[in-house]
Amino acid sequence: MASILLPGHVVRFVPPGSEASAPEVLPVVRPLGGPARVTLAVLLVIAALVAGGAIFLLWTEPTPGAWFSLLFTVMITGLVAALVLAYIGAVRDGRARAEARDLWSTAPKRAVEHARVISRDVSTQEDGQVGSFEVTVLLDEGTELRGRWSRPKASSRAILQSQVPGIGQPVRVWRMAAGIGDGVHVIDVVDPSAIEQPR
């Protein structure tokens, strides 16, 4: 049974034939900074105030009927609630990524293990390019682990479907020393469309 996918379960691309060592810094998207969190919180408060004003008008001004006011009250409330939940989720996920980065950087050592991709799940954008993907790998010892690759930054270039590792592709897995926990690991994959240059 595969592990639960956590923010510290990361996939990174390495060049074909690479003997790269474990990354010193966990390659995860940086969490929202303090100013960004404050700005988003202020925007949420403004959105809530505007929504409250709109709902007030719905119930104090003439409308086609109570059904109309109720319908739009539910819609507006649901929209604001969804924005607040998304904000809370982003803050929690960012905190978990920061904790995973700290844990990884302080781990005494990492062990490399060989594995193969046994399943994958690709998330595409409107233009058909890949914005993120998840893979499940089977270690030689029989354990299944999951990892996710996401664009490092919104401005980073997305990848093509042909660059996503395929089923059966060999990978390397970096984990922390035994006893530290399963909260963080890095799965090294190779772009299957890349051609290894002759030496």
N, C-alpha and C. Protein backbone atom coordinates (compact mmCIF):
# COMPACT_ATOMS: atom_id res chain seq x y z
N MET A 1 0.84 -1.18 0.00
CA MET A 1 0.00 0.00 0.00
C MET A 1 0.89 1.25 0.00
N ALA A 2 0.56 2.19 -0.87
CA ALA A 2 1.39 3.39 -1.02
C ALA A 2 1.23 4.31 0.18
N SER A 3 2.27 5.08 0.47
CA SER A 3 2.22 6.05 1.56
C SER A 3 1.27 7.17 1.19
N ILE A 4 0.80 7.87 2.21
CA ILE A 4 -0.03 9.05 1.99
C ILE A 4 0.86 10.15 1.42
N LEU A 5 0.33 10.87 0.44
CA LEU A 5 1.12 11.94 -0.17
C LEU A 5 1.12 13.16 0.73
N LEU A 6 2.31 13.57 1.16
CA LEU A 6 2.49 14.73 2.03
C LEU A 6 3.30 15.80 1.30
N PRO A 7 3.27 17.05 1.80
CA PRO A 7 4.04 18.11 1.15
C PRO A 7 5.54 17.81 1.03
N GLY A 8 6.08 16.96 1.91
CA GLY A 8 7.49 16.62 1.85
C GLY A 8 7.82 15.45 0.95
N HIS A 9 6.86 14.95 0.21
CA HIS A 9 7.07 13.84 -0.74
C HIS A 9 7.22 14.45 -2.12
N VAL A 10 8.47 14.58 -2.55
CA VAL A 10 8.79 15.41 -3.70
C VAL A 10 9.42 14.61 -4.84
N VAL A 11 9.11 15.02 -6.06
CA VAL A 11 9.75 14.47 -7.26
C VAL A 11 10.62 15.57 -7.85
N ARG A 12 11.84 15.21 -8.25
CA ARG A 12 12.70 16.19 -8.95
C ARG A 12 13.27 15.53 -10.20
N PHE A 13 13.51 16.34 -11.22
CA PHE A 13 14.12 15.86 -12.45
C PHE A 13 15.64 15.93 -12.33
N VAL A 14 16.31 14.89 -12.81
CA VAL A 14 17.77 14.88 -12.90
C VAL A 14 18.13 14.52 -14.34
N PRO A 15 19.32 14.92 -14.81
CA PRO A 15 19.73 14.59 -16.19
C PRO A 15 19.91 13.08 -16.36
N PRO A 16 19.74 12.58 -17.59
CA PRO A 16 19.97 11.15 -17.84
C PRO A 16 21.38 10.74 -17.44
N GLY A 17 21.53 9.61 -16.78
CA GLY A 17 22.83 9.12 -16.36
C GLY A 17 23.43 9.86 -15.19
N SER A 18 22.65 10.75 -14.58
CA SER A 18 23.17 11.57 -13.49
C SER A 18 23.45 10.73 -12.25
N GLU A 19 24.52 11.07 -11.57
CA GLU A 19 24.85 10.45 -10.28
C GLU A 19 24.69 11.51 -9.19
N ALA A 20 23.71 12.37 -9.35
CA ALA A 20 23.50 13.47 -8.42
C ALA A 20 23.29 12.94 -7.00
N SER A 21 23.79 13.70 -6.05
CA SER A 21 23.60 13.33 -4.64
C SER A 21 22.25 13.86 -4.17
N ALA A 22 21.93 13.52 -2.95
CA ALA A 22 20.67 14.00 -2.38
C ALA A 22 20.68 15.53 -2.33
N PRO A 23 19.56 16.16 -2.62
CA PRO A 23 19.53 17.63 -2.58
C PRO A 23 19.75 18.14 -1.16
N GLU A 24 20.54 19.19 -1.04
CA GLU A 24 20.75 19.78 0.29
C GLU A 24 19.50 20.49 0.77
N VAL A 25 18.78 21.10 -0.19
CA VAL A 25 17.54 21.80 0.14
C VAL A 25 16.39 21.06 -0.53
N LEU A 26 15.36 20.76 0.23
CA LEU A 26 14.22 20.03 -0.31
C LEU A 26 13.57 20.86 -1.42
N PRO A 27 13.44 20.29 -2.64
CA PRO A 27 12.90 21.07 -3.77
C PRO A 27 11.37 21.17 -3.74
N VAL A 28 10.86 21.98 -2.81
CA VAL A 28 9.42 22.23 -2.73
C VAL A 28 9.15 23.70 -2.99
N VAL A 29 7.92 24.00 -3.38
CA VAL A 29 7.53 25.39 -3.60
C VAL A 29 7.59 26.12 -2.27
N ARG A 30 8.17 27.28 -2.28
CA ARG A 30 8.29 28.05 -1.04
C ARG A 30 6.91 28.46 -0.53
N PRO A 31 6.72 28.43 0.79
CA PRO A 31 5.42 28.84 1.33
C PRO A 31 5.21 30.34 1.16
N LEU A 32 3.96 30.77 1.31
CA LEU A 32 3.65 32.20 1.24
C LEU A 32 4.41 32.94 2.32
N GLY A 33 4.98 34.06 1.95
CA GLY A 33 5.68 34.88 2.94
C GLY A 33 4.69 35.66 3.79
N GLY A 34 5.18 36.26 4.86
CA GLY A 34 4.32 37.04 5.75
C GLY A 34 3.55 38.14 5.05
N PRO A 35 4.22 38.98 4.23
CA PRO A 35 3.48 40.05 3.53
C PRO A 35 2.39 39.51 2.60
N ALA A 36 2.67 38.40 1.93
CA ALA A 36 1.66 37.82 1.02
C ALA A 36 0.45 37.31 1.81
N ARG A 37 0.71 36.68 2.96
CA ARG A 37 -0.39 36.18 3.79
C ARG A 37 -1.25 37.33 4.30
N VAL A 38 -0.59 38.42 4.74
CA VAL A 38 -1.33 39.58 5.25
C VAL A 38 -2.16 40.21 4.14
N THR A 39 -1.56 40.35 2.95
CA THR A 39 -2.28 40.94 1.82
C THR A 39 -3.51 40.13 1.47
N LEU A 40 -3.34 38.80 1.40
CA LEU A 40 -4.48 37.94 1.07
C LEU A 40 -5.55 38.00 2.16
N ALA A 41 -5.12 38.07 3.42
CA ALA A 41 -6.09 38.16 4.52
C ALA A 41 -6.90 39.45 4.42
N VAL A 42 -6.22 40.56 4.10
CA VAL A 42 -6.92 41.85 3.95
C VAL A 42 -7.91 41.77 2.79
N LEU A 43 -7.50 41.16 1.68
CA LEU A 43 -8.40 41.02 0.53
C LEU A 43 -9.61 40.15 0.89
N LEU A 44 -9.39 39.13 1.71
CA LEU A 44 -10.51 38.29 2.15
C LEU A 44 -11.49 39.08 3.02
N VAL A 45 -10.95 39.91 3.89
CA VAL A 45 -11.82 40.74 4.74
C VAL A 45 -12.64 41.68 3.87
N ILE A 46 -11.99 42.30 2.89
CA ILE A 46 -12.72 43.21 1.98
C ILE A 46 -13.80 42.45 1.22
N ALA A 47 -13.46 41.24 0.73
CA ALA A 47 -14.44 40.43 0.01
C ALA A 47 -15.62 40.08 0.92
N ALA A 48 -15.33 39.77 2.19
CA ALA A 48 -16.41 39.43 3.13
C ALA A 48 -17.31 40.65 3.38
N LEU A 49 -16.72 41.84 3.50
CA LEU A 49 -17.51 43.05 3.72
C LEU A 49 -18.39 43.36 2.50
N VAL A 50 -17.81 43.23 1.32
CA VAL A 50 -18.59 43.47 0.09
C VAL A 50 -19.72 42.45 -0.01
N ALA A 51 -19.41 41.18 0.30
CA ALA A 51 -20.44 40.14 0.26
C ALA A 51 -21.54 40.43 1.28
N GLY A 52 -21.13 40.88 2.48
CA GLY A 52 -22.14 41.22 3.50
C GLY A 52 -23.04 42.35 3.05
N GLY A 53 -22.44 43.36 2.40
CA GLY A 53 -23.23 44.47 1.87
C GLY A 53 -24.21 44.01 0.80
N ALA A 54 -23.74 43.12 -0.08
CA ALA A 54 -24.61 42.61 -1.14
C ALA A 54 -25.77 41.81 -0.56
N ILE A 55 -25.47 41.00 0.45
CA ILE A 55 -26.54 40.20 1.08
C ILE A 55 -27.54 41.11 1.79
N PHE A 56 -27.03 42.16 2.44
CA PHE A 56 -27.93 43.12 3.09
C PHE A 56 -28.89 43.74 2.09
N LEU A 57 -28.34 44.13 0.93
CA LEU A 57 -29.20 44.73 -0.11
C LEU A 57 -30.21 43.73 -0.64
N LEU A 58 -29.82 42.48 -0.74
CA LEU A 58 -30.74 41.46 -1.23
C LEU A 58 -31.99 41.33 -0.36
N TRP A 59 -31.82 41.54 0.94
CA TRP A 59 -32.94 41.35 1.87
C TRP A 59 -33.64 42.65 2.25
N THR A 60 -33.07 43.80 1.85
CA THR A 60 -33.71 45.07 2.19
C THR A 60 -34.27 45.80 0.98
N GLU A 61 -33.82 45.46 -0.20
CA GLU A 61 -34.31 46.09 -1.42
C GLU A 61 -35.30 45.15 -2.12
N PRO A 62 -36.17 45.72 -2.96
CA PRO A 62 -37.13 44.87 -3.68
C PRO A 62 -36.43 43.86 -4.60
N THR A 63 -36.88 42.62 -4.58
CA THR A 63 -36.34 41.55 -5.45
C THR A 63 -37.52 40.77 -6.00
N PRO A 64 -37.28 39.89 -6.96
CA PRO A 64 -38.39 39.08 -7.52
C PRO A 64 -39.07 38.19 -6.48
N GLY A 65 -38.45 38.00 -5.33
CA GLY A 65 -39.06 37.17 -4.29
C GLY A 65 -38.02 36.69 -3.30
N ALA A 66 -38.51 36.07 -2.23
CA ALA A 66 -37.61 35.56 -1.20
C ALA A 66 -36.68 34.48 -1.76
N TRP A 67 -37.19 33.71 -2.72
CA TRP A 67 -36.37 32.66 -3.33
C TRP A 67 -35.12 33.25 -4.00
N PHE A 68 -35.31 34.42 -4.62
CA PHE A 68 -34.20 35.10 -5.30
C PHE A 68 -33.14 35.52 -4.28
N SER A 69 -33.59 36.16 -3.19
CA SER A 69 -32.66 36.61 -2.15
C SER A 69 -31.94 35.43 -1.51
N LEU A 70 -32.69 34.36 -1.24
CA LEU A 70 -32.10 33.17 -0.62
C LEU A 70 -31.07 32.53 -1.54
N LEU A 71 -31.41 32.41 -2.83
CA LEU A 71 -30.50 31.79 -3.80
C LEU A 71 -29.18 32.55 -3.86
N PHE A 72 -29.24 33.86 -4.01
CA PHE A 72 -28.02 34.64 -4.13
C PHE A 72 -27.27 34.77 -2.80
N THR A 73 -27.99 34.71 -1.70
CA THR A 73 -27.33 34.70 -0.38
C THR A 73 -26.48 33.45 -0.24
N VAL A 74 -27.04 32.30 -0.62
CA VAL A 74 -26.31 31.04 -0.55
C VAL A 74 -25.10 31.06 -1.49
N MET A 75 -25.29 31.58 -2.69
CA MET A 75 -24.18 31.63 -3.66
C MET A 75 -23.05 32.53 -3.16
N ILE A 76 -23.39 33.72 -2.69
CA ILE A 76 -22.36 34.66 -2.24
C ILE A 76 -21.65 34.12 -1.01
N THR A 77 -22.42 33.57 -0.06
CA THR A 77 -21.82 33.01 1.15
C THR A 77 -20.90 31.85 0.80
N GLY A 78 -21.34 31.00 -0.11
CA GLY A 78 -20.53 29.85 -0.52
C GLY A 78 -19.24 30.28 -1.18
N LEU A 79 -19.28 31.33 -1.99
CA LEU A 79 -18.08 31.83 -2.65
C LEU A 79 -17.07 32.35 -1.65
N VAL A 80 -17.54 33.15 -0.70
CA VAL A 80 -16.63 33.70 0.32
C VAL A 80 -16.07 32.57 1.19
N ALA A 81 -16.92 31.61 1.56
CA ALA A 81 -16.46 30.48 2.38
C ALA A 81 -15.40 29.67 1.64
N ALA A 82 -15.58 29.49 0.33
CA ALA A 82 -14.60 28.74 -0.46
C ALA A 82 -13.26 29.48 -0.49
N LEU A 83 -13.30 30.80 -0.62
CA LEU A 83 -12.07 31.59 -0.63
C LEU A 83 -11.35 31.50 0.72
N VAL A 84 -12.11 31.55 1.80
CA VAL A 84 -11.50 31.47 3.14
C VAL A 84 -10.88 30.09 3.34
N LEU A 85 -11.59 29.02 2.95
CA LEU A 85 -11.06 27.67 3.10
C LEU A 85 -9.81 27.47 2.25
N ALA A 86 -9.80 28.05 1.03
CA ALA A 86 -8.62 27.95 0.17
C ALA A 86 -7.43 28.66 0.81
N TYR A 87 -7.67 29.80 1.42
CA TYR A 87 -6.61 30.54 2.10
C TYR A 87 -6.05 29.74 3.28
N ILE A 88 -6.94 29.19 4.09
CA ILE A 88 -6.51 28.38 5.24
C ILE A 88 -5.71 27.18 4.78
N GLY A 89 -6.20 26.52 3.71
CA GLY A 89 -5.49 25.36 3.17
C GLY A 89 -4.11 25.72 2.65
N ALA A 90 -3.99 26.88 1.98
CA ALA A 90 -2.69 27.31 1.45
C ALA A 90 -1.71 27.61 2.57
N VAL A 91 -2.20 28.24 3.65
CA VAL A 91 -1.33 28.55 4.79
C VAL A 91 -0.86 27.26 5.47
N ARG A 92 -1.78 26.32 5.67
CA ARG A 92 -1.41 25.05 6.31
C ARG A 92 -0.43 24.27 5.45
N ASP A 93 -0.70 24.22 4.14
CA ASP A 93 0.19 23.49 3.24
C ASP A 93 1.58 24.14 3.21
N GLY A 94 1.61 25.47 3.22
CA GLY A 94 2.89 26.18 3.24
C GLY A 94 3.66 25.90 4.51
N ARG A 95 2.95 25.85 5.63
CA ARG A 95 3.61 25.55 6.91
C ARG A 95 4.18 24.14 6.88
N ALA A 96 3.41 23.19 6.31
CA ALA A 96 3.89 21.81 6.22
C ALA A 96 5.11 21.70 5.32
N ARG A 97 5.13 22.47 4.21
CA ARG A 97 6.30 22.46 3.33
C ARG A 97 7.53 23.03 4.04
N ALA A 98 7.32 24.11 4.80
CA ALA A 98 8.43 24.71 5.53
C ALA A 98 8.99 23.74 6.57
N GLU A 99 8.10 23.03 7.26
CA GLU A 99 8.55 22.04 8.26
C GLU A 99 9.31 20.91 7.58
N ALA A 100 8.84 20.48 6.40
CA ALA A 100 9.51 19.40 5.67
C ALA A 100 10.91 19.86 5.23
N ARG A 101 11.03 21.10 4.77
CA ARG A 101 12.34 21.64 4.37
C ARG A 101 13.30 21.66 5.55
N ASP A 102 12.80 22.09 6.71
CA ASP A 102 13.65 22.15 7.90
C ASP A 102 14.09 20.75 8.32
N LEU A 103 13.15 19.81 8.31
CA LEU A 103 13.47 18.44 8.71
C LEU A 103 14.52 17.84 7.77
N TRP A 104 14.33 18.06 6.47
CA TRP A 104 15.26 17.51 5.47
C TRP A 104 16.66 18.10 5.65
N SER A 105 16.74 19.40 5.88
CA SER A 105 18.05 20.05 5.98
C SER A 105 18.80 19.64 7.24
N THR A 106 18.08 19.21 8.29
CA THR A 106 18.74 18.83 9.53
C THR A 106 18.93 17.32 9.66
N ALA A 107 18.44 16.54 8.67
CA ALA A 107 18.58 15.08 8.75
C ALA A 107 20.06 14.71 8.68
N PRO A 108 20.52 13.77 9.50
CA PRO A 108 21.94 13.43 9.53
C PRO A 108 22.46 12.84 8.22
N LYS A 109 21.67 12.01 7.56
CA LYS A 109 22.10 11.45 6.28
C LYS A 109 20.91 10.88 5.54
N ARG A 110 21.11 10.62 4.26
CA ARG A 110 20.03 10.07 3.44
C ARG A 110 20.51 8.79 2.80
N ALA A 111 19.59 7.91 2.51
CA ALA A 111 19.93 6.65 1.86
C ALA A 111 19.28 6.63 0.48
N VAL A 112 20.01 6.19 -0.53
CA VAL A 112 19.44 6.10 -1.87
C VAL A 112 18.96 4.68 -2.11
N GLU A 113 17.78 4.58 -2.70
CA GLU A 113 17.20 3.28 -3.00
C GLU A 113 16.69 3.29 -4.43
N HIS A 114 16.66 2.13 -5.04
CA HIS A 114 16.19 2.02 -6.41
C HIS A 114 14.73 1.58 -6.42
N ALA A 115 14.00 2.09 -7.39
CA ALA A 115 12.57 1.80 -7.48
C ALA A 115 12.12 1.92 -8.93
N ARG A 116 10.85 1.59 -9.16
CA ARG A 116 10.24 1.74 -10.48
C ARG A 116 8.88 2.40 -10.33
N VAL A 117 8.52 3.21 -11.33
CA VAL A 117 7.22 3.87 -11.32
C VAL A 117 6.14 2.82 -11.60
N ILE A 118 5.13 2.77 -10.73
CA ILE A 118 4.04 1.80 -10.96
C ILE A 118 2.71 2.49 -11.28
N SER A 119 2.62 3.79 -11.00
CA SER A 119 1.43 4.53 -11.42
C SER A 119 1.75 6.01 -11.44
N ARG A 120 0.93 6.76 -12.16
CA ARG A 120 1.14 8.21 -12.23
C ARG A 120 -0.20 8.89 -12.45
N ASP A 121 -0.26 10.13 -12.04
CA ASP A 121 -1.47 10.94 -12.19
C ASP A 121 -1.03 12.33 -12.62
N VAL A 122 -1.47 12.75 -13.80
CA VAL A 122 -0.99 14.00 -14.40
C VAL A 122 -2.09 15.05 -14.38
N SER A 123 -1.73 16.26 -13.95
CA SER A 123 -2.65 17.40 -13.97
C SER A 123 -2.20 18.36 -15.06
N THR A 124 -3.07 18.56 -16.03
CA THR A 124 -2.72 19.43 -17.15
C THR A 124 -3.38 20.80 -17.03
N GLN A 125 -2.81 21.77 -17.72
CA GLN A 125 -3.35 23.12 -17.76
C GLN A 125 -4.27 23.25 -18.98
N GLU A 126 -4.82 24.43 -19.15
CA GLU A 126 -5.73 24.66 -20.27
C GLU A 126 -5.06 24.44 -21.62
N ASP A 127 -3.75 24.73 -21.70
CA ASP A 127 -3.05 24.58 -22.96
C ASP A 127 -2.53 23.16 -23.19
N GLY A 128 -2.85 22.24 -22.26
CA GLY A 128 -2.44 20.85 -22.42
C GLY A 128 -1.10 20.51 -21.81
N GLN A 129 -0.35 21.53 -21.36
CA GLN A 129 0.94 21.26 -20.72
C GLN A 129 0.71 20.80 -19.28
N VAL A 130 1.73 20.17 -18.74
CA VAL A 130 1.63 19.58 -17.40
C VAL A 130 2.05 20.60 -16.36
N GLY A 131 1.15 20.89 -15.42
CA GLY A 131 1.47 21.79 -14.33
C GLY A 131 1.99 21.06 -13.12
N SER A 132 1.56 19.80 -12.95
CA SER A 132 2.04 18.97 -11.84
C SER A 132 1.71 17.52 -12.17
N PHE A 133 2.41 16.62 -11.50
CA PHE A 133 2.07 15.20 -11.61
C PHE A 133 2.49 14.47 -10.34
N GLU A 134 1.84 13.35 -10.10
CA GLU A 134 2.17 12.50 -8.96
C GLU A 134 2.58 11.13 -9.49
N VAL A 135 3.53 10.51 -8.83
CA VAL A 135 3.93 9.15 -9.18
C VAL A 135 3.92 8.29 -7.92
N THR A 136 3.61 7.03 -8.12
CA THR A 136 3.77 6.03 -7.07
C THR A 136 4.88 5.10 -7.53
N VAL A 137 5.85 4.87 -6.66
CA VAL A 137 6.98 4.02 -7.02
C VAL A 137 7.05 2.83 -6.08
N LEU A 138 7.58 1.73 -6.61
CA LEU A 138 7.76 0.51 -5.82
C LEU A 138 9.25 0.30 -5.59
N LEU A 139 9.66 0.35 -4.33
CA LEU A 139 11.06 0.13 -3.98
C LEU A 139 11.41 -1.34 -4.14
N ASP A 140 12.71 -1.62 -4.30
CA ASP A 140 13.16 -3.01 -4.43
C ASP A 140 12.74 -3.84 -3.23
N GLU A 141 12.63 -3.20 -2.07
CA GLU A 141 12.26 -3.92 -0.84
C GLU A 141 10.77 -4.21 -0.76
N GLY A 142 9.98 -3.63 -1.70
CA GLY A 142 8.55 -3.89 -1.73
C GLY A 142 7.67 -2.76 -1.20
N THR A 143 8.28 -1.70 -0.69
CA THR A 143 7.50 -0.57 -0.17
C THR A 143 7.09 0.35 -1.31
N GLU A 144 5.88 0.88 -1.23
CA GLU A 144 5.40 1.86 -2.20
C GLU A 144 5.46 3.25 -1.60
N LEU A 145 5.97 4.21 -2.38
CA LEU A 145 6.03 5.60 -1.95
C LEU A 145 5.43 6.48 -3.04
N ARG A 146 4.91 7.62 -2.63
CA ARG A 146 4.34 8.57 -3.59
C ARG A 146 5.12 9.88 -3.53
N GLY A 147 5.09 10.60 -4.64
CA GLY A 147 5.73 11.91 -4.69
C GLY A 147 5.05 12.78 -5.72
N ARG A 148 5.24 14.10 -5.58
CA ARG A 148 4.61 15.05 -6.51
C ARG A 148 5.66 16.00 -7.06
N TRP A 149 5.53 16.28 -8.37
CA TRP A 149 6.32 17.34 -8.99
C TRP A 149 5.36 18.48 -9.30
N SER A 150 5.75 19.69 -8.93
CA SER A 150 4.98 20.89 -9.26
C SER A 150 5.93 21.93 -9.83
N ARG A 151 5.39 22.81 -10.65
CA ARG A 151 6.22 23.90 -11.18
C ARG A 151 6.79 24.68 -10.01
N PRO A 152 8.11 24.94 -10.01
CA PRO A 152 8.73 25.64 -8.88
C PRO A 152 8.12 27.01 -8.61
N LYS A 153 7.79 27.74 -9.69
CA LYS A 153 7.18 29.06 -9.55
C LYS A 153 6.11 29.19 -10.63
N ALA A 154 5.17 30.11 -10.40
CA ALA A 154 4.11 30.34 -11.40
C ALA A 154 4.72 30.76 -12.73
N SER A 155 5.86 31.42 -12.69
CA SER A 155 6.51 31.89 -13.92
C SER A 155 7.34 30.80 -14.59
N SER A 156 7.54 29.68 -13.90
CA SER A 156 8.35 28.59 -14.47
C SER A 156 7.62 27.93 -15.64
N ARG A 157 8.40 27.39 -16.55
CA ARG A 157 7.83 26.75 -17.72
C ARG A 157 7.21 25.41 -17.33
N ALA A 158 6.02 25.14 -17.85
CA ALA A 158 5.38 23.84 -17.63
C ALA A 158 6.09 22.81 -18.49
N ILE A 159 5.80 21.53 -18.27
CA ILE A 159 6.42 20.48 -19.07
C ILE A 159 5.37 19.83 -19.96
N LEU A 160 5.84 19.05 -20.92
CA LEU A 160 4.94 18.36 -21.84
C LEU A 160 4.61 16.97 -21.31
N GLN A 161 3.52 16.40 -21.82
CA GLN A 161 3.12 15.06 -21.40
C GLN A 161 4.24 14.05 -21.63
N SER A 162 4.99 14.23 -22.71
CA SER A 162 6.06 13.28 -23.05
C SER A 162 7.22 13.33 -22.06
N GLN A 163 7.26 14.36 -21.21
CA GLN A 163 8.34 14.48 -20.24
C GLN A 163 8.01 13.85 -18.89
N VAL A 164 6.78 13.42 -18.72
CA VAL A 164 6.37 12.78 -17.47
C VAL A 164 6.88 11.34 -17.46
N PRO A 165 7.50 10.90 -16.37
CA PRO A 165 8.01 9.52 -16.31
C PRO A 165 6.90 8.51 -16.57
N GLY A 166 7.25 7.46 -17.31
CA GLY A 166 6.27 6.45 -17.66
C GLY A 166 6.26 5.28 -16.69
N ILE A 167 5.22 4.47 -16.79
CA ILE A 167 5.11 3.29 -15.95
C ILE A 167 6.31 2.37 -16.24
N GLY A 168 6.93 1.87 -15.19
CA GLY A 168 8.07 0.98 -15.33
C GLY A 168 9.42 1.69 -15.37
N GLN A 169 9.41 3.01 -15.48
CA GLN A 169 10.67 3.74 -15.54
C GLN A 169 11.42 3.64 -14.21
N PRO A 170 12.72 3.33 -14.26
CA PRO A 170 13.50 3.27 -13.02
C PRO A 170 13.73 4.65 -12.43
N VAL A 171 13.73 4.74 -11.11
CA VAL A 171 13.95 6.00 -10.41
C VAL A 171 14.84 5.73 -9.19
N ARG A 172 15.35 6.81 -8.61
CA ARG A 172 16.08 6.71 -7.35
C ARG A 172 15.30 7.45 -6.28
N VAL A 173 15.32 6.92 -5.08
CA VAL A 173 14.60 7.54 -3.96
C VAL A 173 15.58 7.88 -2.85
N TRP A 174 15.53 9.11 -2.42
CA TRP A 174 16.35 9.57 -1.30
C TRP A 174 15.46 9.68 -0.07
N ARG A 175 15.86 8.98 0.99
CA ARG A 175 15.12 9.06 2.25
C ARG A 175 16.06 9.38 3.39
N MET A 176 15.49 9.88 4.45
CA MET A 176 16.30 10.18 5.61
C MET A 176 16.67 8.88 6.33
N ALA A 177 17.61 8.99 7.22
CA ALA A 177 18.08 7.82 7.95
C ALA A 177 16.93 7.18 8.71
N ALA A 178 17.01 5.87 8.91
CA ALA A 178 15.96 5.14 9.61
C ALA A 178 15.70 5.75 10.97
N GLY A 179 14.41 5.81 11.32
CA GLY A 179 14.03 6.34 12.62
C GLY A 179 13.66 7.80 12.60
N ILE A 180 13.93 8.52 11.49
CA ILE A 180 13.61 9.95 11.42
C ILE A 180 12.17 10.14 10.98
N GLY A 181 11.61 9.15 10.31
CA GLY A 181 10.21 9.26 9.88
C GLY A 181 10.06 9.21 8.37
N ASP A 182 8.82 9.08 7.93
CA ASP A 182 8.53 8.98 6.50
C ASP A 182 7.94 10.28 5.97
N GLY A 183 8.17 11.38 6.72
CA GLY A 183 7.56 12.64 6.32
C GLY A 183 8.21 13.30 5.13
N VAL A 184 9.43 12.89 4.79
CA VAL A 184 10.13 13.56 3.70
C VAL A 184 10.90 12.54 2.87
N HIS A 185 10.77 12.60 1.56
CA HIS A 185 11.63 11.84 0.66
C HIS A 185 11.61 12.51 -0.71
N VAL A 186 12.65 12.23 -1.49
CA VAL A 186 12.79 12.81 -2.82
C VAL A 186 12.95 11.69 -3.83
N ILE A 187 12.14 11.74 -4.88
CA ILE A 187 12.20 10.73 -5.94
C ILE A 187 12.84 11.38 -7.16
N ASP A 188 14.02 10.88 -7.56
CA ASP A 188 14.72 11.39 -8.74
C ASP A 188 14.20 10.70 -9.99
N VAL A 189 13.71 11.48 -10.94
CA VAL A 189 13.23 10.93 -12.21
C VAL A 189 13.98 11.57 -13.36
N VAL A 190 13.94 10.90 -14.50
CA VAL A 190 14.58 11.40 -15.72
C VAL A 190 13.50 11.70 -16.74
N ASP A 191 13.66 12.79 -17.44
CA ASP A 191 12.75 13.14 -18.54
C ASP A 191 12.88 12.08 -19.62
N PRO A 192 11.83 11.26 -19.86
CA PRO A 192 11.97 10.19 -20.85
C PRO A 192 12.16 10.68 -22.28
N SER A 193 11.84 11.96 -22.53
CA SER A 193 12.03 12.49 -23.88
C SER A 193 13.44 13.03 -24.09
N ALA A 194 14.23 13.09 -23.00
CA ALA A 194 15.59 13.61 -23.11
C ALA A 194 16.50 12.56 -23.72
N ILE A 195 17.41 12.99 -24.55
CA ILE A 195 18.36 12.08 -25.18
C ILE A 195 19.71 12.28 -24.52
N GLU A 196 20.26 11.22 -24.02
CA GLU A 196 21.56 11.32 -23.35
C GLU A 196 22.63 11.61 -24.41
N GLN A 197 23.38 12.67 -24.16
CA GLN A 197 24.44 13.07 -25.10
C GLN A 197 25.64 12.14 -24.97
N PRO A 198 26.26 11.75 -26.09
CA PRO A 198 27.44 10.90 -26.01
C PRO A 198 28.58 11.64 -25.34
N ARG A 199 29.39 10.92 -24.60
CA ARG A 199 30.52 11.51 -23.88
C ARG A 199 31.75 11.57 -24.76
